[in-house]
């Protein structure tokens, strides 16, 4: 079947030729290819203004990013065969880096599968679909996973906020096999548990794997505070690395229960403390009580989700890092992270500098971290690079 043409305006193909995959609605020649003529998720053949084919994309006429390229070969469409191929290519990158089959298998655009995220927990696969184009391929995604991996279970965690933008319903469904309440995984040699059916996103955040590995080398015999701990991804690995005590702070009682299980799994229940509540309020109280920690980890949710949130979000990052520095013992280590794509690295560094000077201290950044190798960065799509982390020692001013 011949695909409908999606024709771009003059010079609107520059980004695509440079490697980008997105087409914005204002780049389309709507006289030659009216957007209202397309159905959400429909595959189209993309042409530049001169009639040269640029490849195959799927389209959503109702969104700002109205099309996403899935192949630069006009004869290759998004189907089961292409999904199988891309899954194999994605898996080869992860298997090259990690011993255990626990990782982000597919990271959307960076793996040539826009709108698709798949996290692997050994033989359980958790799938997130965020676009109408990939939604149409849901059955083929499941088939492709079975062809390549033969999973024991597959979960669809299609409950993300971005689905509403694409006009999609939200739901969670186990489409194959049986999934326990807590699913096992291994990260940096540590056995852990994740609530893949009820937790945040897919239940786990693999992106900080390499930063947590660095953290492990810093915590033996130390008193550690893990702010916004969720299920203890940082805290449990600190305990496994020999931390004297870890205090996990989170607003969710359910998340802290899983964190406690992760501590127990690593024979560290006696060294684990859960503090439920607002991190800002609890930090304020601990400062008043003169509590001190050798290592403080600040890994909050995205305070800046959209550009309009930048001002308030930066205030929140500055405030929580100020509290963290106040809670550090002499010569303590602060690990400060952000998953907000809209927070620039230099702005986070500037906040850390400003806070250290406000408190009359000297900060030494001795390492910086990025998202792990299972979250590869597409060099033409800056949005695929979002995670940042700084490791700093905070000294008395001299």
Protein backbone atom coordinates (compact mmCIF):
# COMPACT_ATOMS: atom_id res chain seq x y z
CA UNK A 1 0.00 0.00 0.00
CA UNK A 2 1.33 3.41 -0.98
CA UNK A 3 1.79 5.81 1.90
CA UNK A 4 0.44 9.33 1.83
CA UNK A 5 3.06 12.05 1.27
CA UNK A 6 4.04 14.52 3.97
CA UNK A 7 5.67 17.46 2.19
CA UNK A 8 7.91 19.92 4.02
CA UNK A 9 8.32 23.60 3.35
CA UNK A 10 11.43 24.95 1.62
CA UNK A 11 14.57 24.44 3.76
CA UNK A 12 12.57 22.65 6.47
CA UNK A 13 14.55 19.48 5.80
CA UNK A 14 17.81 20.87 7.22
CA UNK A 15 17.44 19.35 10.68
CA UNK A 16 16.44 15.96 9.25
CA UNK A 17 19.45 15.96 6.94
CA UNK A 18 21.62 16.82 9.95
CA UNK A 19 20.35 13.70 11.76
CA UNK A 20 17.27 14.85 13.67
CA UNK A 21 14.12 12.73 13.63
CA UNK A 22 11.38 15.22 14.50
CA UNK A 23 9.15 17.27 12.22
CA UNK A 24 7.24 20.21 13.67
CA UNK A 25 3.79 21.16 12.43
CA UNK A 26 4.98 24.59 11.22
CA UNK A 27 7.52 22.88 8.95
CA UNK A 28 4.87 21.10 6.89
CA UNK A 29 3.60 22.46 3.58
CA UNK A 30 -0.06 22.21 4.53
CA UNK A 31 -1.26 23.20 1.08
CA UNK A 32 0.40 20.19 -0.51
CA UNK A 33 -0.15 17.86 2.45
CA UNK A 34 -2.86 19.16 4.83
CA UNK A 35 -2.31 17.80 8.32
CA UNK A 36 -6.03 17.26 8.84
CA UNK A 37 -5.86 14.61 6.10
CA UNK A 38 -3.82 12.30 8.35
CA UNK A 39 -4.94 10.06 11.18
CA UNK A 40 -2.98 10.01 14.46
CA UNK A 41 -0.31 7.32 14.20
CA UNK A 42 -0.52 6.90 10.45
CA UNK A 43 2.74 6.20 8.61
CA UNK A 44 3.70 8.59 5.82
CA UNK A 45 6.47 9.12 3.31
CA UNK A 46 8.29 12.39 3.93
CA UNK A 47 9.41 14.61 1.05
CA UNK A 48 11.28 17.88 1.00
CA UNK A 49 9.98 20.86 -0.96
CA UNK A 50 11.83 19.71 -4.07
CA UNK A 51 10.22 16.28 -4.02
CA UNK A 52 13.16 14.30 -2.64
CA UNK A 53 12.16 11.47 -0.34
CA UNK A 54 13.54 11.77 3.20
CA UNK A 55 12.18 8.50 4.56
CA UNK A 56 9.24 7.09 6.48
CA UNK A 57 7.66 8.70 9.54
CA UNK A 58 4.56 8.32 11.62
CA UNK A 59 2.37 11.37 12.09
CA UNK A 60 0.07 12.96 14.63
CA UNK A 61 -1.68 16.03 13.19
CA UNK A 62 -2.75 17.18 16.66
CA UNK A 63 0.68 17.70 18.26
CA UNK A 64 3.49 20.24 17.88
CA UNK A 65 5.90 17.47 16.95
CA UNK A 66 3.65 16.26 14.19
CA UNK A 67 5.87 13.51 12.77
CA UNK A 68 8.82 11.35 13.81
CA UNK A 69 11.11 9.66 11.34
CA UNK A 70 11.41 5.88 11.76
CA UNK A 71 13.46 5.07 8.66
CA UNK A 72 15.50 7.03 6.12
CA UNK A 73 14.93 4.26 3.58
CA UNK A 74 11.61 4.84 1.80
CA UNK A 75 11.20 1.09 1.35
CA UNK A 76 11.44 0.29 5.06
CA UNK A 77 8.35 0.88 7.20
CA UNK A 78 7.81 0.51 10.91
CA UNK A 79 6.65 -3.08 11.21
CA UNK A 80 7.43 -6.24 13.16
CA UNK A 81 10.53 -6.92 11.07
CA UNK A 82 12.02 -3.48 11.73
CA UNK A 83 11.18 -3.73 15.43
CA UNK A 84 12.98 -7.09 15.66
CA UNK A 85 16.03 -5.61 13.96
CA UNK A 86 16.13 -2.49 16.14
CA UNK A 87 15.67 -4.56 19.32
CA UNK A 88 18.64 -6.73 18.38
CA UNK A 89 20.78 -3.67 17.67
CA UNK A 90 19.73 -2.08 20.98
CA UNK A 91 20.42 -5.27 22.91
CA UNK A 92 23.93 -5.55 21.45
CA UNK A 93 24.84 -2.13 22.90
CA UNK A 94 23.63 -3.12 26.37
CA UNK A 95 25.20 -6.57 26.32
CA UNK A 96 28.51 -4.96 25.41
CA UNK A 97 28.40 -2.96 28.66
CA UNK A 98 26.54 -4.96 31.29
CA UNK A 99 26.94 -8.49 32.63
CA UNK A 100 23.45 -8.82 34.07
CA UNK A 101 20.35 -8.57 31.81
CA UNK A 102 19.02 -5.61 33.76
CA UNK A 103 19.01 -2.32 31.88
CA UNK A 104 17.05 0.09 29.71
CA UNK A 105 16.76 -1.92 26.53
CA UNK A 106 15.18 0.79 24.37
CA UNK A 107 15.59 4.52 24.86
CA UNK A 108 13.24 5.98 22.27
CA UNK A 109 14.77 8.15 19.55
CA UNK A 110 18.31 7.16 20.51
CA UNK A 111 17.57 3.56 19.53
CA UNK A 112 15.65 4.46 16.39
CA UNK A 113 12.30 3.72 18.03
CA UNK A 114 10.69 7.08 18.89
CA UNK A 115 7.88 6.84 21.40
CA UNK A 116 9.09 3.54 22.87
CA UNK A 117 10.90 2.81 26.14
CA UNK A 118 11.60 -0.72 27.37
CA UNK A 119 13.25 -1.59 30.66
CA UNK A 120 14.51 -5.11 31.21
CA UNK A 121 14.44 -6.89 34.55
CA UNK A 122 16.06 -10.18 33.57
CA UNK A 123 13.18 -12.06 31.87
CA UNK A 124 10.51 -9.46 32.70
CA UNK A 125 10.16 -6.56 30.25
CA UNK A 126 8.36 -3.31 31.06
CA UNK A 127 7.17 -1.34 28.04
CA UNK A 128 6.17 2.33 27.85
CA UNK A 129 4.55 3.73 24.71
CA UNK A 130 4.17 7.51 24.50
CA UNK A 131 3.10 8.30 20.92
CA UNK A 132 0.13 7.49 18.70
CA UNK A 133 2.44 6.09 16.03
CA UNK A 134 4.02 3.58 18.39
CA UNK A 135 0.64 2.84 19.97
CA UNK A 136 -0.50 1.42 16.65
CA UNK A 137 2.45 -0.97 16.84
CA UNK A 138 1.71 -2.24 20.34
CA UNK A 139 0.94 -5.81 19.27
CA UNK A 140 4.00 -5.88 17.00
CA UNK A 141 6.21 -4.65 19.86
CA UNK A 142 5.06 -7.59 21.98
CA UNK A 143 5.61 -9.99 19.08
CA UNK A 144 9.09 -8.60 18.45
CA UNK A 145 10.05 -8.97 22.12
CA UNK A 146 8.93 -12.59 22.02
CA UNK A 147 10.86 -13.20 18.82
CA UNK A 148 14.13 -11.80 20.19
CA UNK A 149 13.99 -12.57 23.93
CA UNK A 150 11.11 -14.97 24.74
CA UNK A 151 10.24 -13.10 27.96
CA UNK A 152 8.58 -14.73 30.94
CA UNK A 153 6.40 -11.64 31.29
CA UNK A 154 5.65 -8.33 29.54
CA UNK A 155 4.08 -5.32 31.25
CA UNK A 156 2.62 -2.29 29.49
CA UNK A 157 3.15 0.75 31.76
CA UNK A 158 1.20 3.09 29.52
CA UNK A 159 0.30 5.52 32.29
CA UNK A 160 2.66 8.41 31.60
CA UNK A 161 1.47 12.01 31.44
CA UNK A 162 2.78 12.53 27.91
CA UNK A 163 0.23 10.09 26.47
CA UNK A 164 -2.52 12.66 27.00
CA UNK A 165 -0.71 15.06 24.63
CA UNK A 166 -0.95 12.38 21.94
CA UNK A 167 -4.64 11.77 22.67
CA UNK A 168 -4.00 8.36 24.22
CA UNK A 169 -5.64 6.68 27.21
CA UNK A 170 -3.56 5.63 30.21
CA UNK A 171 -3.45 2.10 31.57
CA UNK A 172 -1.24 -0.58 33.12
CA UNK A 173 -1.59 -4.11 31.80
CA UNK A 174 0.27 -7.38 32.13
CA UNK A 175 -0.05 -8.68 28.58
CA UNK A 176 1.99 -11.84 29.10
CA UNK A 177 3.00 -14.04 32.01
CA UNK A 178 2.81 -13.27 35.70
CA UNK A 179 4.49 -10.35 37.45
CA UNK A 180 5.18 -10.31 41.21
CA UNK A 181 4.59 -7.22 43.30
CA UNK A 182 8.35 -6.69 43.50
CA UNK A 183 10.62 -7.71 40.63
CA UNK A 184 14.28 -8.53 41.13
CA UNK A 185 17.15 -6.82 39.34
CA UNK A 186 20.88 -6.37 39.69
CA UNK A 187 22.74 -3.06 39.46
CA UNK A 188 26.45 -2.61 40.11
CA UNK A 189 26.56 -6.12 41.53
CA UNK A 190 23.83 -5.38 44.10
CA UNK A 191 20.59 -7.36 44.22
CA UNK A 192 17.54 -5.08 44.39
CA UNK A 193 13.75 -5.04 44.03
CA UNK A 194 11.51 -2.77 41.95
CA UNK A 195 7.71 -2.25 41.99
CA UNK A 196 7.25 -2.40 38.23
CA UNK A 197 3.43 -2.45 38.36
CA UNK A 198 2.90 0.41 40.78
CA UNK A 199 6.13 2.40 41.04
CA UNK A 200 7.24 5.52 39.23
CA UNK A 201 7.72 5.21 35.45
CA UNK A 202 8.79 1.59 34.88
CA UNK A 203 9.41 1.03 38.59
CA UNK A 204 13.17 1.69 38.50
CA UNK A 205 15.61 4.36 37.30
CA UNK A 206 18.56 2.69 35.59
CA UNK A 207 19.93 6.04 34.38
CA UNK A 208 22.00 6.73 37.52
CA UNK A 209 23.74 3.33 37.44
CA UNK A 210 27.25 4.72 36.78
CA UNK A 211 26.84 7.55 39.30
CA UNK A 212 25.75 5.06 41.96
CA UNK A 213 28.80 2.96 41.18
CA UNK A 214 31.01 5.99 41.88
CA UNK A 215 29.04 6.67 45.04
CA UNK A 216 29.76 3.17 46.34
CA UNK A 217 33.47 3.97 46.50
CA UNK A 218 32.82 6.94 48.81
CA UNK A 219 30.51 5.60 51.54
CA UNK A 220 32.24 2.80 53.44
CA UNK A 221 31.92 3.50 57.15
CA UNK A 222 30.05 6.75 56.44
CA UNK A 223 26.73 8.15 57.58
CA UNK A 224 24.62 8.74 54.45
CA UNK A 225 21.46 10.77 53.77
CA UNK A 226 19.51 9.85 50.62
CA UNK A 227 17.01 12.61 49.78
CA UNK A 228 14.09 11.80 47.45
CA UNK A 229 15.18 8.19 47.87
CA UNK A 230 12.20 6.53 46.14
CA UNK A 231 12.83 2.76 46.65
CA UNK A 232 16.44 3.19 47.76
CA UNK A 233 18.34 2.92 44.50
CA UNK A 234 21.14 5.01 46.00
CA UNK A 235 20.60 4.12 49.65
CA UNK A 236 20.52 0.34 49.29
CA UNK A 237 23.67 0.40 47.17
CA UNK A 238 25.35 2.58 49.80
CA UNK A 239 24.44 -0.01 52.42
CA UNK A 240 25.77 -2.82 50.22
CA UNK A 241 29.02 -0.83 49.90
CA UNK A 242 29.47 -0.69 53.67
CA UNK A 243 27.86 2.57 54.77
CA UNK A 244 27.59 2.78 58.55
CA UNK A 245 24.01 4.08 58.34
CA UNK A 246 21.67 5.26 55.58
CA UNK A 247 18.66 7.49 56.09
CA UNK A 248 16.21 7.45 53.18
CA UNK A 249 13.84 10.41 52.85
CA UNK A 250 10.77 10.21 50.63
CA UNK A 251 7.18 11.44 50.58
CA UNK A 252 5.84 7.98 49.69
CA UNK A 253 5.35 5.43 52.46
CA UNK A 254 5.05 2.70 49.83
CA UNK A 255 8.38 3.63 48.26
CA UNK A 256 10.08 3.58 51.66
CA UNK A 257 8.64 0.12 52.36
CA UNK A 258 10.36 -1.13 49.20
CA UNK A 259 13.54 0.70 50.24
CA UNK A 260 13.39 -1.19 53.54
CA UNK A 261 13.03 -4.45 51.58
CA UNK A 262 16.08 -3.52 49.53
CA UNK A 263 18.01 -2.89 52.74
CA UNK A 264 16.86 -6.26 54.12
CA UNK A 265 17.83 -7.99 50.87
CA UNK A 266 21.36 -6.71 51.43
CA UNK A 267 21.48 -7.74 55.10
CA UNK A 268 21.45 -4.12 56.22
CA UNK A 269 18.11 -3.58 57.98
CA UNK A 270 19.87 -2.55 61.20
CA UNK A 271 21.71 0.24 59.36
CA UNK A 272 18.64 1.57 57.51
CA UNK A 273 16.37 4.41 58.60
CA UNK A 274 13.23 5.57 56.75
CA UNK A 275 11.98 9.15 57.07
CA UNK A 276 8.64 9.80 55.41
CA UNK A 277 7.60 13.32 54.53
CA UNK A 278 8.42 16.39 52.51
CA UNK A 279 12.18 16.50 51.94
CA UNK A 280 12.36 20.27 52.45
CA UNK A 281 10.49 20.09 55.76
CA UNK A 282 12.50 17.14 57.03
CA UNK A 283 15.78 18.80 56.05
CA UNK A 284 14.76 21.97 57.88
CA UNK A 285 14.00 19.91 60.98
CA UNK A 286 17.31 18.01 60.79
CA UNK A 287 19.24 21.27 60.40
CA UNK A 288 17.51 22.57 63.55
CA UNK A 289 18.41 19.34 65.37
CA UNK A 290 22.04 19.75 64.21
CA UNK A 291 22.11 16.36 62.49
CA UNK A 292 25.17 15.78 60.32
CA UNK A 293 25.99 13.29 57.56
CA UNK A 294 29.24 12.37 55.84
CA UNK A 295 27.54 11.97 52.45
CA UNK A 296 24.31 13.62 51.28
CA UNK A 297 22.65 12.53 48.02
CA UNK A 298 20.25 14.95 46.34
CA UNK A 299 18.42 13.25 43.46
CA UNK A 300 15.02 14.97 43.23
CA UNK A 301 12.27 14.49 40.67
CA UNK A 302 12.28 16.90 37.73
CA UNK A 303 11.57 20.29 39.31
CA UNK A 304 11.62 21.75 35.79
CA UNK A 305 9.35 19.80 33.45
CA UNK A 306 8.67 22.65 31.03
CA UNK A 307 10.46 25.88 30.15
CA UNK A 308 7.86 27.88 32.06
CA UNK A 309 8.96 26.04 35.22
CA UNK A 310 12.61 27.13 35.03
CA UNK A 311 12.46 30.03 37.50
CA UNK A 312 10.58 28.19 40.25
CA UNK A 313 12.44 24.97 39.54
CA UNK A 314 15.84 26.59 39.91
CA UNK A 315 14.75 28.01 43.25
CA UNK A 316 13.80 24.51 44.41
CA UNK A 317 17.15 23.05 43.31
CA UNK A 318 19.03 25.87 45.04
CA UNK A 319 17.03 25.49 48.25
CA UNK A 320 17.42 21.71 48.59
CA UNK A 321 21.15 21.88 47.87
CA UNK A 322 21.49 24.60 50.50
CA UNK A 323 19.84 22.32 53.05
CA UNK A 324 22.10 19.45 51.94
CA UNK A 325 25.25 21.51 52.54
CA UNK A 326 23.99 22.56 55.97
CA UNK A 327 23.56 18.88 56.85
CA UNK A 328 27.09 17.87 55.83
CA UNK A 329 29.70 17.04 58.42
CA UNK A 330 33.10 18.70 58.11
CA UNK A 331 34.71 17.83 54.75
CA UNK A 332 31.53 15.97 53.76
CA UNK A 333 30.60 14.88 50.25
CA UNK A 334 27.54 16.14 48.40
CA UNK A 335 26.21 14.26 45.37
CA UNK A 336 23.88 16.67 43.60
CA UNK A 337 21.84 15.46 40.63
CA UNK A 338 19.14 16.69 38.29
CA UNK A 339 17.00 14.85 35.75
CA UNK A 340 15.53 18.11 34.39
CA UNK A 341 16.52 18.50 30.76
CA UNK A 342 15.80 22.23 31.00
CA UNK A 343 18.33 22.75 33.82
CA UNK A 344 21.67 23.45 32.21
CA UNK A 345 24.80 21.98 33.76
CA UNK A 346 26.37 25.38 34.27
CA UNK A 347 23.30 26.59 36.17
CA UNK A 348 23.50 23.68 38.61
CA UNK A 349 27.21 24.37 39.12
CA UNK A 350 26.43 28.03 39.73
CA UNK A 351 23.83 27.11 42.36
CA UNK A 352 26.33 24.87 44.13
CA UNK A 353 28.94 27.63 44.06
CA UNK A 354 26.48 30.24 45.34
CA UNK A 355 25.27 28.01 48.16
CA UNK A 356 28.79 27.18 49.31
CA UNK A 357 29.69 30.88 49.45
CA UNK A 358 26.46 31.80 51.23
CA UNK A 359 27.38 29.25 53.91
CA UNK A 360 30.99 30.49 53.98
CA UNK A 361 32.33 27.20 52.69
CA UNK A 362 34.54 26.07 49.85
CA UNK A 363 33.26 23.54 47.33
CA UNK A 364 35.49 21.20 45.32
CA UNK A 365 33.85 19.41 42.40
CA UNK A 366 35.93 16.26 42.00
CA UNK A 367 33.72 14.33 39.56
CA UNK A 368 30.69 14.75 37.37
CA UNK A 369 28.27 12.15 36.13
CA UNK A 370 25.95 11.51 33.22
CA UNK A 371 23.19 9.11 32.28
CA UNK A 372 24.30 5.52 31.91
CA UNK A 373 25.26 3.75 28.71
CA UNK A 374 21.79 2.22 28.37
CA UNK A 375 20.48 5.78 27.86
CA UNK A 376 22.56 6.66 24.78
CA UNK A 377 22.51 10.26 23.58
CA UNK A 378 21.36 10.96 20.03
CA UNK A 379 23.93 13.51 18.83
CA UNK A 380 21.31 15.42 16.79
CA UNK A 381 18.66 15.49 19.52
CA UNK A 382 19.77 17.47 22.60
CA UNK A 383 16.60 16.41 24.43
CA UNK A 384 18.00 12.88 24.77
CA UNK A 385 20.68 14.22 27.14
CA UNK A 386 19.07 15.16 30.43
CA UNK A 387 20.82 13.64 33.45
CA UNK A 388 23.59 15.40 35.32
CA UNK A 389 25.33 14.76 38.63
CA UNK A 390 28.12 16.50 40.53
CA UNK A 391 30.27 15.03 43.25
CA UNK A 392 31.74 17.68 45.52
CA UNK A 393 33.53 17.97 48.79
CA UNK A 394 32.39 20.87 50.96
CA UNK A 395 35.14 22.33 53.15
CA UNK A 396 35.22 25.09 55.74
CA UNK A 397 36.33 28.38 54.19
CA UNK A 398 40.03 29.02 54.59
